[in-house]
């Protein structure tokens, strides 16, 4: 299937996190046909019920190309013009899947083997698929992880530290607020203190950032709220100890702070001939924890339109990515052979 056609076919299958089954089934059928005619194998790798990673490989995989099948909500289908393909997941990361599959087809046509394709579930929420893959390695020495970096090789990416902050109050009629205690007021005070935390900096990765992503609470405008909660996320650049201590101090005696995710910041090496960048987003690479080999991070598309209503990927970048993935795989295979 042609590169642009495959990208649109994948985008047109809704696969928001926890709903990856349909796109996984489509890819399994597509890759099964490819492996059948090229002497490869394909396996499902169960992450949760109805949520499978897919691993297709040819020979003993020294190099694995990997990205994720899930997207953020809301879903919207594909469209295209002369320059771009639009739709949820176009750049994050279904266009990348299509580019990796196309690179695999090109490598196989040239007689190259000993590489694999690993497509995982759950990256957008908790890296559920990468967690499972990390304990089921296949001997790969190098991992090319695809995320939208505008086809520049990332030399580092920030980590993530996410909390759920919960406050409790006492119900009362809002005409007599002194008879109750507002959980929302307390939460606002706590969040204001969290916003004042000094954020660490790093020479390569830059400054840590904070986002208060969700706030919910209360029952009605005329009721003093007895419950409120918020989700906050730091993008970290190093050891999170100081941030953890600051969150503990801000919430002490007033709120429950539950850490629900920590992904460390990472630093990666260069690859000859590729322009470089540094990214602020988090990937599955720390969760793989080296189990699938030394990681490289690169892919077509811009993170600045990922997760937005304008999500799109340039057709030229998709074509360039096929060439980049093909060349990287071939060079890493040569490195693997020379080191053997």
C-alpha atoms as a PDB file:
ATOM      1  CA  UNK A   1       0.000   0.000   0.000  1.00  0.00           C
ATOM      2  CA  UNK A   2       1.318   3.422  -0.937  1.00  0.00           C
ATOM      3  CA  UNK A   3       2.738   5.606   1.861  1.00  0.00           C
ATOM      4  CA  UNK A   4       0.076   8.312   1.813  1.00  0.00           C
ATOM      5  CA  UNK A   5      -2.739   5.796   1.393  1.00  0.00           C
ATOM      6  CA  UNK A   6      -1.542   3.797   4.410  1.00  0.00           C
ATOM      7  CA  UNK A   7      -1.233   6.957   6.507  1.00  0.00           C
ATOM      8  CA  UNK A   8      -4.818   7.947   5.757  1.00  0.00           C
ATOM      9  CA  UNK A   9      -6.109   4.404   6.305  1.00  0.00           C
ATOM     10  CA  UNK A  10      -4.555   4.370   9.784  1.00  0.00           C
ATOM     11  CA  UNK A  11      -5.790   7.865  10.648  1.00  0.00           C
ATOM     12  CA  UNK A  12      -9.321   6.855   9.652  1.00  0.00           C
ATOM     13  CA  UNK A  13      -9.384   4.155  12.344  1.00  0.00           C
ATOM     14  CA  UNK A  14     -10.103   5.667  15.743  1.00  0.00           C
ATOM     15  CA  UNK A  15      -7.526   4.500  18.301  1.00  0.00           C
ATOM     16  CA  UNK A  16      -7.596   6.830  21.265  1.00  0.00           C
ATOM     17  CA  UNK A  17      -5.801   5.320  24.258  1.00  0.00           C
ATOM     18  CA  UNK A  18      -7.515   2.117  25.479  1.00  0.00           C
ATOM     19  CA  UNK A  19      -9.285   1.775  22.098  1.00  0.00           C
ATOM     20  CA  UNK A  20      -6.378   0.535  19.975  1.00  0.00           C
ATOM     21  CA  UNK A  21      -7.886  -2.847  19.036  1.00  0.00           C
ATOM     22  CA  UNK A  22      -9.268  -1.892  15.612  1.00  0.00           C
ATOM     23  CA  UNK A  23      -6.115  -0.204  14.380  1.00  0.00           C
ATOM     24  CA  UNK A  24      -4.084  -3.084  15.809  1.00  0.00           C
ATOM     25  CA  UNK A  25      -6.190  -5.611  13.900  1.00  0.00           C
ATOM     26  CA  UNK A  26      -5.794  -3.605  10.696  1.00  0.00           C
ATOM     27  CA  UNK A  27      -2.027  -3.392  11.111  1.00  0.00           C
ATOM     28  CA  UNK A  28      -1.793  -7.070  12.025  1.00  0.00           C
ATOM     29  CA  UNK A  29      -3.502  -8.000   8.760  1.00  0.00           C
ATOM     30  CA  UNK A  30      -1.331  -5.592   6.778  1.00  0.00           C
ATOM     31  CA  UNK A  31       1.906  -6.802   8.360  1.00  0.00           C
ATOM     32  CA  UNK A  32       0.839 -10.454   8.146  1.00  0.00           C
ATOM     33  CA  UNK A  33       0.623 -10.084   4.385  1.00  0.00           C
ATOM     34  CA  UNK A  34       4.039  -8.414   4.307  1.00  0.00           C
ATOM     35  CA  UNK A  35       5.716 -11.061   6.464  1.00  0.00           C
ATOM     36  CA  UNK A  36       4.061 -13.892   4.503  1.00  0.00           C
ATOM     37  CA  UNK A  37       5.486 -12.741   1.205  1.00  0.00           C
ATOM     38  CA  UNK A  38       8.918 -11.794   2.582  1.00  0.00           C
ATOM     39  CA  UNK A  39       9.775 -14.640   4.951  1.00  0.00           C
ATOM     40  CA  UNK A  40       9.144 -12.783   8.191  1.00  0.00           C
ATOM     41  CA  UNK A  41       7.137 -13.419  11.323  1.00  0.00           C
ATOM     42  CA  UNK A  42       4.567 -11.415  13.267  1.00  0.00           C
ATOM     43  CA  UNK A  43       3.462 -11.736  16.875  1.00  0.00           C
ATOM     44  CA  UNK A  44       0.897 -10.153  19.134  1.00  0.00           C
ATOM     45  CA  UNK A  45       2.189  -9.111  22.538  1.00  0.00           C
ATOM     46  CA  UNK A  46      -0.686  -8.719  25.008  1.00  0.00           C
ATOM     47  CA  UNK A  47      -0.579  -5.585  27.130  1.00  0.00           C
ATOM     48  CA  UNK A  48      -4.135  -5.757  28.485  1.00  0.00           C
ATOM     49  CA  UNK A  49      -7.392  -7.353  27.370  1.00  0.00           C
ATOM     50  CA  UNK A  50      -8.069  -6.309  23.755  1.00  0.00           C
ATOM     51  CA  UNK A  51      -4.854  -4.249  23.732  1.00  0.00           C
ATOM     52  CA  UNK A  52      -1.919  -5.863  21.934  1.00  0.00           C
ATOM     53  CA  UNK A  53       1.470  -4.636  20.831  1.00  0.00           C
ATOM     54  CA  UNK A  54       2.541  -5.895  17.404  1.00  0.00           C
ATOM     55  CA  UNK A  55       6.025  -7.168  16.586  1.00  0.00           C
ATOM     56  CA  UNK A  56       6.960  -8.067  13.006  1.00  0.00           C
ATOM     57  CA  UNK A  57      10.510  -9.199  12.295  1.00  0.00           C
ATOM     58  CA  UNK A  58      12.776 -10.691   9.705  1.00  0.00           C
ATOM     59  CA  UNK A  59      15.637 -12.889  10.900  1.00  0.00           C
ATOM     60  CA  UNK A  60      17.210 -12.057  14.266  1.00  0.00           C
ATOM     61  CA  UNK A  61      16.344  -8.376  14.844  1.00  0.00           C
ATOM     62  CA  UNK A  62      19.428  -6.264  15.522  1.00  0.00           C
ATOM     63  CA  UNK A  63      17.514  -3.031  14.845  1.00  0.00           C
ATOM     64  CA  UNK A  64      13.906  -2.373  15.862  1.00  0.00           C
ATOM     65  CA  UNK A  65      11.821   0.536  14.580  1.00  0.00           C
ATOM     66  CA  UNK A  66       9.053   1.415  17.024  1.00  0.00           C
ATOM     67  CA  UNK A  67       6.270   3.883  17.678  1.00  0.00           C
ATOM     68  CA  UNK A  68       2.759   3.860  19.163  1.00  0.00           C
ATOM     69  CA  UNK A  69      -0.690   3.102  17.779  1.00  0.00           C
ATOM     70  CA  UNK A  70      -2.778   5.126  20.236  1.00  0.00           C
ATOM     71  CA  UNK A  71      -3.731   8.780  19.913  1.00  0.00           C
ATOM     72  CA  UNK A  72      -5.127  11.469  22.170  1.00  0.00           C
ATOM     73  CA  UNK A  73      -8.813  12.410  21.877  1.00  0.00           C
ATOM     74  CA  UNK A  74     -10.840  13.696  20.176  1.00  0.00           C
ATOM     75  CA  UNK A  75     -10.811  11.547  17.071  1.00  0.00           C
ATOM     76  CA  UNK A  76     -11.285  13.123  13.663  1.00  0.00           C
ATOM     77  CA  UNK A  77     -10.760  11.493  10.273  1.00  0.00           C
ATOM     78  CA  UNK A  78      -8.312  12.194   7.494  1.00  0.00           C
ATOM     79  CA  UNK A  79      -8.189  14.644   4.628  1.00  0.00           C
ATOM     80  CA  UNK A  80      -5.376  15.858   2.410  1.00  0.00           C
ATOM     81  CA  UNK A  81      -4.220  18.530   0.030  1.00  0.00           C
ATOM     82  CA  UNK A  82      -1.131  18.764  -2.144  1.00  0.00           C
ATOM     83  CA  UNK A  83       1.199  19.324   0.819  1.00  0.00           C
ATOM     84  CA  UNK A  84      -0.323  17.718   3.917  1.00  0.00           C
ATOM     85  CA  UNK A  85      -2.334  14.837   5.320  1.00  0.00           C
ATOM     86  CA  UNK A  86      -4.630  15.979   8.138  1.00  0.00           C
ATOM     87  CA  UNK A  87      -6.328  14.053  10.944  1.00  0.00           C
ATOM     88  CA  UNK A  88      -5.903  12.791  14.487  1.00  0.00           C
ATOM     89  CA  UNK A  89      -2.678  10.863  14.664  1.00  0.00           C
ATOM     90  CA  UNK A  90      -1.412  12.124  11.298  1.00  0.00           C
ATOM     91  CA  UNK A  91       1.921  13.056  12.889  1.00  0.00           C
ATOM     92  CA  UNK A  92       1.525  11.431  16.308  1.00  0.00           C
ATOM     93  CA  UNK A  93       2.096   8.754  15.302  1.00  0.00           C
ATOM     94  CA  UNK A  94       0.243   7.065  12.411  1.00  0.00           C
ATOM     95  CA  UNK A  95       2.214   8.771   9.695  1.00  0.00           C
ATOM     96  CA  UNK A  96       5.308   7.494  11.476  1.00  0.00           C
ATOM     97  CA  UNK A  97       3.909   3.939  11.459  1.00  0.00           C
ATOM     98  CA  UNK A  98       3.336   4.227   7.707  1.00  0.00           C
ATOM     99  CA  UNK A  99       6.870   5.565   7.148  1.00  0.00           C
ATOM    100  CA  UNK A 100       8.373   2.711   9.170  1.00  0.00           C
ATOM    101  CA  UNK A 101       6.363   0.098   7.275  1.00  0.00           C
ATOM    102  CA  UNK A 102       7.413   1.682   3.986  1.00  0.00           C
ATOM    103  CA  UNK A 103      11.054   1.672   5.118  1.00  0.00           C
ATOM    104  CA  UNK A 104      10.720  -2.023   5.985  1.00  0.00           C
ATOM    105  CA  UNK A 105       9.357  -2.756   2.512  1.00  0.00           C
ATOM    106  CA  UNK A 106      12.269  -0.881   0.953  1.00  0.00           C
ATOM    107  CA  UNK A 107      14.838  -2.715   3.085  1.00  0.00           C
ATOM    108  CA  UNK A 108      13.307  -6.087   2.259  1.00  0.00           C
ATOM    109  CA  UNK A 109      13.248  -5.284  -1.448  1.00  0.00           C
ATOM    110  CA  UNK A 110      17.005  -4.716  -1.202  1.00  0.00           C
ATOM    111  CA  UNK A 111      17.571  -8.023   0.569  1.00  0.00           C
ATOM    112  CA  UNK A 112      18.079  -6.590   4.072  1.00  0.00           C
ATOM    113  CA  UNK A 113      16.993  -8.639   7.067  1.00  0.00           C
ATOM    114  CA  UNK A 114      17.639  -8.831  10.834  1.00  0.00           C
ATOM    115  CA  UNK A 115      15.366  -5.951  11.783  1.00  0.00           C
ATOM    116  CA  UNK A 116      11.882  -5.593  13.235  1.00  0.00           C
ATOM    117  CA  UNK A 117       8.866  -3.329  13.649  1.00  0.00           C
ATOM    118  CA  UNK A 118       7.347  -2.866  17.127  1.00  0.00           C
ATOM    119  CA  UNK A 119       4.080  -0.938  17.431  1.00  0.00           C
ATOM    120  CA  UNK A 120       2.799  -0.442  20.975  1.00  0.00           C
ATOM    121  CA  UNK A 121      -0.337   0.655  22.788  1.00  0.00           C
ATOM    122  CA  UNK A 122      -0.796   3.244  25.483  1.00  0.00           C
ATOM    123  CA  UNK A 123       2.071   5.676  24.953  1.00  0.00           C
ATOM    124  CA  UNK A 124      -0.160   8.715  25.292  1.00  0.00           C
ATOM    125  CA  UNK A 125      -1.251   7.842  28.816  1.00  0.00           C
ATOM    126  CA  UNK A 126       1.004   5.498  30.783  1.00  0.00           C
ATOM    127  CA  UNK A 127       3.227   3.609  28.320  1.00  0.00           C
ATOM    128  CA  UNK A 128       1.336   0.376  29.010  1.00  0.00           C
ATOM    129  CA  UNK A 129       2.606  -1.267  25.845  1.00  0.00           C
ATOM    130  CA  UNK A 130       6.230  -0.274  26.377  1.00  0.00           C
ATOM    131  CA  UNK A 131       6.097  -1.635  29.935  1.00  0.00           C
ATOM    132  CA  UNK A 132       5.106  -5.052  28.593  1.00  0.00           C
ATOM    133  CA  UNK A 133       7.639  -4.932  25.765  1.00  0.00           C
ATOM    134  CA  UNK A 134      10.412  -4.024  28.218  1.00  0.00           C
ATOM    135  CA  UNK A 135      10.040  -7.388  29.951  1.00  0.00           C
ATOM    136  CA  UNK A 136       9.792  -9.312  26.672  1.00  0.00           C
ATOM    137  CA  UNK A 137      12.932  -8.259  24.761  1.00  0.00           C
ATOM    138  CA  UNK A 138      13.902  -9.923  21.493  1.00  0.00           C
ATOM    139  CA  UNK A 139      17.650  -9.299  21.466  1.00  0.00           C
ATOM    140  CA  UNK A 140      17.572  -6.061  19.479  1.00  0.00           C
ATOM    141  CA  UNK A 141      20.721  -3.945  19.893  1.00  0.00           C
ATOM    142  CA  UNK A 142      19.290  -0.652  18.560  1.00  0.00           C
ATOM    143  CA  UNK A 143      15.864   0.988  18.897  1.00  0.00           C
ATOM    144  CA  UNK A 144      14.716   3.715  16.502  1.00  0.00           C
ATOM    145  CA  UNK A 145      11.776   5.320  18.297  1.00  0.00           C
ATOM    146  CA  UNK A 146       9.456   7.450  16.185  1.00  0.00           C
ATOM    147  CA  UNK A 147       7.907  10.660  17.460  1.00  0.00           C
ATOM    148  CA  UNK A 148       7.326  13.967  15.631  1.00  0.00           C
ATOM    149  CA  UNK A 149      10.724  15.718  15.674  1.00  0.00           C
ATOM    150  CA  UNK A 150      10.534  17.234  12.156  1.00  0.00           C
ATOM    151  CA  UNK A 151      12.991  14.531  11.048  1.00  0.00           C
ATOM    152  CA  UNK A 152      15.672  15.854  13.353  1.00  0.00           C
ATOM    153  CA  UNK A 153      17.495  13.503  15.709  1.00  0.00           C
ATOM    154  CA  UNK A 154      16.655  14.316  19.330  1.00  0.00           C
ATOM    155  CA  UNK A 155      19.687  14.446  21.603  1.00  0.00           C
ATOM    156  CA  UNK A 156      17.471  14.567  24.667  1.00  0.00           C
ATOM    157  CA  UNK A 157      13.906  14.763  25.881  1.00  0.00           C
ATOM    158  CA  UNK A 158      12.392  16.033  29.085  1.00  0.00           C
ATOM    159  CA  UNK A 159      10.852  13.688  31.597  1.00  0.00           C
ATOM    160  CA  UNK A 160       7.416  13.826  33.182  1.00  0.00           C
ATOM    161  CA  UNK A 161       6.174  13.909  36.765  1.00  0.00           C
ATOM    162  CA  UNK A 162       2.391  13.789  37.115  1.00  0.00           C
ATOM    163  CA  UNK A 163       0.255  14.140  40.242  1.00  0.00           C
ATOM    164  CA  UNK A 164      -3.383  13.884  41.177  1.00  0.00           C
ATOM    165  CA  UNK A 165      -4.092  16.475  43.870  1.00  0.00           C
ATOM    166  CA  UNK A 166      -7.238  15.873  45.957  1.00  0.00           C
ATOM    167  CA  UNK A 167      -8.836  18.056  48.634  1.00  0.00           C
ATOM    168  CA  UNK A 168     -11.759  17.339  50.972  1.00  0.00           C
ATOM    169  CA  UNK A 169     -14.240  19.801  52.422  1.00  0.00           C
ATOM    170  CA  UNK A 170     -17.548  19.954  54.273  1.00  0.00           C
ATOM    171  CA  UNK A 171     -20.916  20.409  52.587  1.00  0.00           C
ATOM    172  CA  UNK A 172     -22.982  23.451  53.496  1.00  0.00           C
ATOM    173  CA  UNK A 173     -25.559  25.764  51.976  1.00  0.00           C
ATOM    174  CA  UNK A 174     -23.653  28.458  50.119  1.00  0.00           C
ATOM    175  CA  UNK A 175     -25.691  31.138  51.910  1.00  0.00           C
ATOM    176  CA  UNK A 176     -23.955  29.992  55.106  1.00  0.00           C
ATOM    177  CA  UNK A 177     -20.409  29.141  54.000  1.00  0.00           C
ATOM    178  CA  UNK A 178     -19.143  29.425  57.559  1.00  0.00           C
ATOM    179  CA  UNK A 179     -20.947  26.155  58.322  1.00  0.00           C
ATOM    180  CA  UNK A 180     -18.874  24.244  55.772  1.00  0.00           C
ATOM    181  CA  UNK A 181     -15.435  24.151  54.267  1.00  0.00           C
ATOM    182  CA  UNK A 182     -14.784  24.508  50.543  1.00  0.00           C
ATOM    183  CA  UNK A 183     -12.558  21.856  49.000  1.00  0.00           C
ATOM    184  CA  UNK A 184     -12.313  24.031  45.907  1.00  0.00           C
ATOM    185  CA  UNK A 185     -10.967  27.017  47.843  1.00  0.00           C
ATOM    186  CA  UNK A 186      -8.358  24.784  49.451  1.00  0.00           C
ATOM    187  CA  UNK A 187      -7.409  23.287  46.097  1.00  0.00           C
ATOM    188  CA  UNK A 188      -6.957  26.733  44.579  1.00  0.00           C
ATOM    189  CA  UNK A 189      -4.667  27.731  47.439  1.00  0.00           C
ATOM    190  CA  UNK A 190      -2.605  24.559  47.050  1.00  0.00           C
ATOM    191  CA  UNK A 191      -2.332  24.978  43.283  1.00  0.00           C
ATOM    192  CA  UNK A 192      -1.235  28.581  43.689  1.00  0.00           C
ATOM    193  CA  UNK A 193       1.566  27.427  45.976  1.00  0.00           C
ATOM    194  CA  UNK A 194       2.557  24.718  43.491  1.00  0.00           C
ATOM    195  CA  UNK A 195       2.734  27.382  40.779  1.00  0.00           C
ATOM    196  CA  UNK A 196       5.312  29.222  42.870  1.00  0.00           C
ATOM    197  CA  UNK A 197       7.713  26.254  42.995  1.00  0.00           C
ATOM    198  CA  UNK A 198      11.154  27.070  41.599  1.00  0.00           C
ATOM    199  CA  UNK A 199      11.590  24.980  38.473  1.00  0.00           C
ATOM    200  CA  UNK A 200      15.026  23.414  37.816  1.00  0.00           C
ATOM    201  CA  UNK A 201      17.041  24.096  34.659  1.00  0.00           C
ATOM    202  CA  UNK A 202      19.489  22.052  32.582  1.00  0.00           C
ATOM    203  CA  UNK A 203      22.069  23.287  30.020  1.00  0.00           C
ATOM    204  CA  UNK A 204      20.853  20.844  27.338  1.00  0.00           C
ATOM    205  CA  UNK A 205      17.163  20.388  28.089  1.00  0.00           C
ATOM    206  CA  UNK A 206      16.341  23.881  29.317  1.00  0.00           C
ATOM    207  CA  UNK A 207      13.908  24.693  32.094  1.00  0.00           C
ATOM    208  CA  UNK A 208      11.363  22.396  33.716  1.00  0.00           C
ATOM    209  CA  UNK A 209       7.754  23.418  33.114  1.00  0.00           C
ATOM    210  CA  UNK A 210       4.448  22.964  34.929  1.00  0.00           C
ATOM    211  CA  UNK A 211       0.948  22.481  33.555  1.00  0.00           C
ATOM    212  CA  UNK A 212      -2.268  22.274  35.575  1.00  0.00           C
ATOM    213  CA  UNK A 213      -4.174  20.099  33.155  1.00  0.00           C
ATOM    214  CA  UNK A 214      -7.544  19.374  34.781  1.00  0.00           C
ATOM    215  CA  UNK A 215      -9.606  20.705  37.690  1.00  0.00           C
ATOM    216  CA  UNK A 216     -12.902  19.176  38.790  1.00  0.00           C
ATOM    217  CA  UNK A 217     -14.980  19.494  41.935  1.00  0.00           C
ATOM    218  CA  UNK A 218     -18.109  20.697  43.623  1.00  0.00           C
ATOM    219  CA  UNK A 219     -21.753  19.743  43.307  1.00  0.00           C
ATOM    220  CA  UNK A 220     -23.695  22.928  42.514  1.00  0.00           C
ATOM    221  CA  UNK A 221     -23.237  26.717  42.602  1.00  0.00           C
ATOM    222  CA  UNK A 222     -25.251  26.955  45.805  1.00  0.00           C
ATOM    223  CA  UNK A 223     -23.390  24.199  47.669  1.00  0.00           C
ATOM    224  CA  UNK A 224     -20.051  24.536  49.455  1.00  0.00           C
ATOM    225  CA  UNK A 225     -17.847  21.932  47.773  1.00  0.00           C
ATOM    226  CA  UNK A 226     -16.845  18.851  49.735  1.00  0.00           C
ATOM    227  CA  UNK A 227     -14.464  17.451  47.079  1.00  0.00           C
ATOM    228  CA  UNK A 228     -12.087  18.787  44.430  1.00  0.00           C
ATOM    229  CA  UNK A 229      -9.174  17.434  42.474  1.00  0.00           C
ATOM    230  CA  UNK A 230      -6.645  18.490  39.872  1.00  0.00           C
ATOM    231  CA  UNK A 231      -4.063  16.835  37.661  1.00  0.00           C
ATOM    232  CA  UNK A 232      -0.719  18.568  37.341  1.00  0.00           C
ATOM    233  CA  UNK A 233       2.301  17.630  35.257  1.00  0.00           C
ATOM    234  CA  UNK A 234       5.885  18.779  35.461  1.00  0.00           C
ATOM    235  CA  UNK A 235       8.171  18.335  32.469  1.00  0.00           C
ATOM    236  CA  UNK A 236      11.412  17.510  34.227  1.00  0.00           C
ATOM    237  CA  UNK A 237      15.051  17.980  33.219  1.00  0.00           C
ATOM    238  CA  UNK A 238      16.846  15.951  35.878  1.00  0.00           C
ATOM    239  CA  UNK A 239      16.502  14.469  39.347  1.00  0.00           C
ATOM    240  CA  UNK A 240      12.889  15.104  40.487  1.00  0.00           C
ATOM    241  CA  UNK A 241      13.678  14.941  44.228  1.00  0.00           C
ATOM    242  CA  UNK A 242      13.432  18.708  44.764  1.00  0.00           C
ATOM    243  CA  UNK A 243      10.108  18.896  42.916  1.00  0.00           C
ATOM    244  CA  UNK A 244       8.693  16.007  44.923  1.00  0.00           C
ATOM    245  CA  UNK A 245       9.718  17.705  48.158  1.00  0.00           C
ATOM    246  CA  UNK A 246       8.169  21.004  47.032  1.00  0.00           C
ATOM    247  CA  UNK A 247       4.856  19.331  46.123  1.00  0.00           C
ATOM    248  CA  UNK A 248       4.841  17.535  49.482  1.00  0.00           C
ATOM    249  CA  UNK A 249       5.380  20.863  51.274  1.00  0.00           C
ATOM    250  CA  UNK A 250       2.652  22.632  49.273  1.00  0.00           C
ATOM    251  CA  UNK A 251       0.058  19.941  50.006  1.00  0.00           C
ATOM    252  CA  UNK A 252       1.017  19.021  53.573  1.00  0.00           C
ATOM    253  CA  UNK A 253      -2.003  19.021  55.864  1.00  0.00           C
ATOM    254  CA  UNK A 254      -4.298  20.345  53.144  1.00  0.00           C
ATOM    255  CA  UNK A 255      -4.411  17.902  50.246  1.00  0.00           C
ATOM    256  CA  UNK A 256      -3.502  14.419  49.122  1.00  0.00           C
ATOM    257  CA  UNK A 257      -0.832  14.365  46.409  1.00  0.00           C
ATOM    258  CA  UNK A 258      -0.669  11.043  44.571  1.00  0.00           C
ATOM    259  CA  UNK A 259       2.189  10.571  42.121  1.00  0.00           C
ATOM    260  CA  UNK A 260       0.746   8.667  39.164  1.00  0.00           C
ATOM    261  CA  UNK A 261       3.588   8.887  36.653  1.00  0.00           C
ATOM    262  CA  UNK A 262       7.296   9.484  36.590  1.00  0.00           C
ATOM    263  CA  UNK A 263       9.290   9.214  33.382  1.00  0.00           C
ATOM    264  CA  UNK A 264      12.898  10.389  33.628  1.00  0.00           C
ATOM    265  CA  UNK A 265      14.543  12.857  31.273  1.00  0.00           C
ATOM    266  CA  UNK A 266      16.906  11.237  28.799  1.00  0.00           C
ATOM    267  CA  UNK A 267      20.028  12.122  26.830  1.00  0.00           C
ATOM    268  CA  UNK A 268      20.835  10.423  23.531  1.00  0.00           C
ATOM    269  CA  UNK A 269      23.835  10.290  21.212  1.00  0.00           C
ATOM    270  CA  UNK A 270      24.276  11.714  17.732  1.00  0.00           C
ATOM    271  CA  UNK A 271      23.934   9.811  14.469  1.00  0.00           C
ATOM    272  CA  UNK A 272      26.210  10.822  11.621  1.00  0.00           C
ATOM    273  CA  UNK A 273      24.613  12.978   8.955  1.00  0.00           C
ATOM    274  CA  UNK A 274      21.410  13.903  10.802  1.00  0.00           C
ATOM    275  CA  UNK A 275      20.475  17.373  12.082  1.00  0.00           C
ATOM    276  CA  UNK A 276      19.772  17.451  15.810  1.00  0.00           C
ATOM    277  CA  UNK A 277      17.298  18.954  18.233  1.00  0.00           C
ATOM    278  CA  UNK A 278      16.113  18.670  21.843  1.00  0.00           C
ATOM    279  CA  UNK A 279      12.458  17.985  22.671  1.00  0.00           C
ATOM    280  CA  UNK A 280      10.332  18.832  25.693  1.00  0.00           C
ATOM    281  CA  UNK A 281       7.888  15.938  25.374  1.00  0.00           C
ATOM    282  CA  UNK A 282       8.151  12.464  26.885  1.00  0.00           C
ATOM    283  CA  UNK A 283       8.396   9.189  24.960  1.00  0.00           C
ATOM    284  CA  UNK A 284       8.356   5.438  25.552  1.00  0.00           C
ATOM    285  CA  UNK A 285      12.170   5.322  25.508  1.00  0.00           C
ATOM    286  CA  UNK A 286      12.675   5.530  29.297  1.00  0.00           C
ATOM    287  CA  UNK A 287      10.052   2.813  29.806  1.00  0.00           C
ATOM    288  CA  UNK A 288      11.846   0.469  27.395  1.00  0.00           C
ATOM    289  CA  UNK A 289      14.830   0.985  29.711  1.00  0.00           C
ATOM    290  CA  UNK A 290      17.331  -0.317  27.175  1.00  0.00           C
ATOM    291  CA  UNK A 291      15.616  -3.690  26.782  1.00  0.00           C
ATOM    292  CA  UNK A 292      15.280  -3.187  23.011  1.00  0.00           C
ATOM    293  CA  UNK A 293      18.719  -1.699  22.518  1.00  0.00           C
ATOM    294  CA  UNK A 294      20.368   1.699  22.416  1.00  0.00           C
ATOM    295  CA  UNK A 295      17.654   4.244  21.542  1.00  0.00           C
ATOM    296  CA  UNK A 296      17.468   6.924  18.869  1.00  0.00           C
ATOM    297  CA  UNK A 297      14.540   9.358  18.655  1.00  0.00           C
ATOM    298  CA  UNK A 298      13.432  10.763  15.288  1.00  0.00           C
ATOM    299  CA  UNK A 299      10.312  11.099  13.179  1.00  0.00           C
ATOM    300  CA  UNK A 300       8.411  13.254  10.692  1.00  0.00           C
ATOM    301  CA  UNK A 301       5.904  15.896  11.737  1.00  0.00           C
ATOM    302  CA  UNK A 302       5.804  18.732  14.234  1.00  0.00           C
ATOM    303  CA  UNK A 303       4.918  18.306  17.884  1.00  0.00           C
ATOM    304  CA  UNK A 304       3.421  21.799  17.747  1.00  0.00           C
ATOM    305  CA  UNK A 305       0.412  20.540  15.788  1.00  0.00           C
ATOM    306  CA  UNK A 306       0.158  17.134  17.479  1.00  0.00           C
ATOM    307  CA  UNK A 307      -2.808  16.900  19.890  1.00  0.00           C
ATOM    308  CA  UNK A 308      -4.467  19.910  18.181  1.00  0.00           C
ATOM    309  CA  UNK A 309      -7.417  20.420  15.845  1.00  0.00           C
ATOM    310  CA  UNK A 310      -4.875  21.273  13.125  1.00  0.00           C
ATOM    311  CA  UNK A 311      -2.881  18.024  13.377  1.00  0.00           C
ATOM    312  CA  UNK A 312      -1.197  17.270  10.070  1.00  0.00           C
ATOM    313  CA  UNK A 313       1.945  15.866   8.492  1.00  0.00           C
ATOM    314  CA  UNK A 314       3.787  17.122   5.434  1.00  0.00           C
ATOM    315  CA  UNK A 315       3.932  14.607   2.614  1.00  0.00           C
ATOM    316  CA  UNK A 316       7.539  15.553   1.904  1.00  0.00           C
ATOM    317  CA  UNK A 317       8.494  14.843   5.516  1.00  0.00           C
ATOM    318  CA  UNK A 318       6.835  11.427   5.285  1.00  0.00           C
ATOM    319  CA  UNK A 319       8.868  10.571   2.190  1.00  0.00           C
ATOM    320  CA  UNK A 320      12.049  11.883   3.789  1.00  0.00           C
ATOM    321  CA  UNK A 321      11.354   9.790   6.894  1.00  0.00           C
ATOM    322  CA  UNK A 322      11.231   6.601   4.812  1.00  0.00           C
ATOM    323  CA  UNK A 323      14.714   7.384   3.527  1.00  0.00           C
ATOM    324  CA  UNK A 324      15.988   8.287   7.015  1.00  0.00           C
ATOM    325  CA  UNK A 325      14.641   5.099   8.621  1.00  0.00           C
ATOM    326  CA  UNK A 326      16.027   2.992   5.761  1.00  0.00           C
ATOM    327  CA  UNK A 327      19.482   4.545   6.014  1.00  0.00           C
ATOM    328  CA  UNK A 328      19.628   4.417   9.810  1.00  0.00           C
ATOM    329  CA  UNK A 329      18.593   0.764   9.874  1.00  0.00           C
ATOM    330  CA  UNK A 330      21.176  -0.199   7.242  1.00  0.00           C
ATOM    331  CA  UNK A 331      23.966   1.688   9.019  1.00  0.00           C
ATOM    332  CA  UNK A 332      23.075   0.282  12.435  1.00  0.00           C
ATOM    333  CA  UNK A 333      22.950  -3.225  11.006  1.00  0.00           C
ATOM    334  CA  UNK A 334      26.450  -2.681   9.636  1.00  0.00           C
ATOM    335  CA  UNK A 335      27.551  -1.442  13.065  1.00  0.00           C
ATOM    336  CA  UNK A 336      26.052  -4.540  14.663  1.00  0.00           C
ATOM    337  CA  UNK A 337      27.858  -6.852  12.266  1.00  0.00           C
ATOM    338  CA  UNK A 338      31.223  -5.131  12.747  1.00  0.00           C
ATOM    339  CA  UNK A 339      30.874  -5.350  16.528  1.00  0.00           C
ATOM    340  CA  UNK A 340      29.868  -9.019  16.460  1.00  0.00           C
END
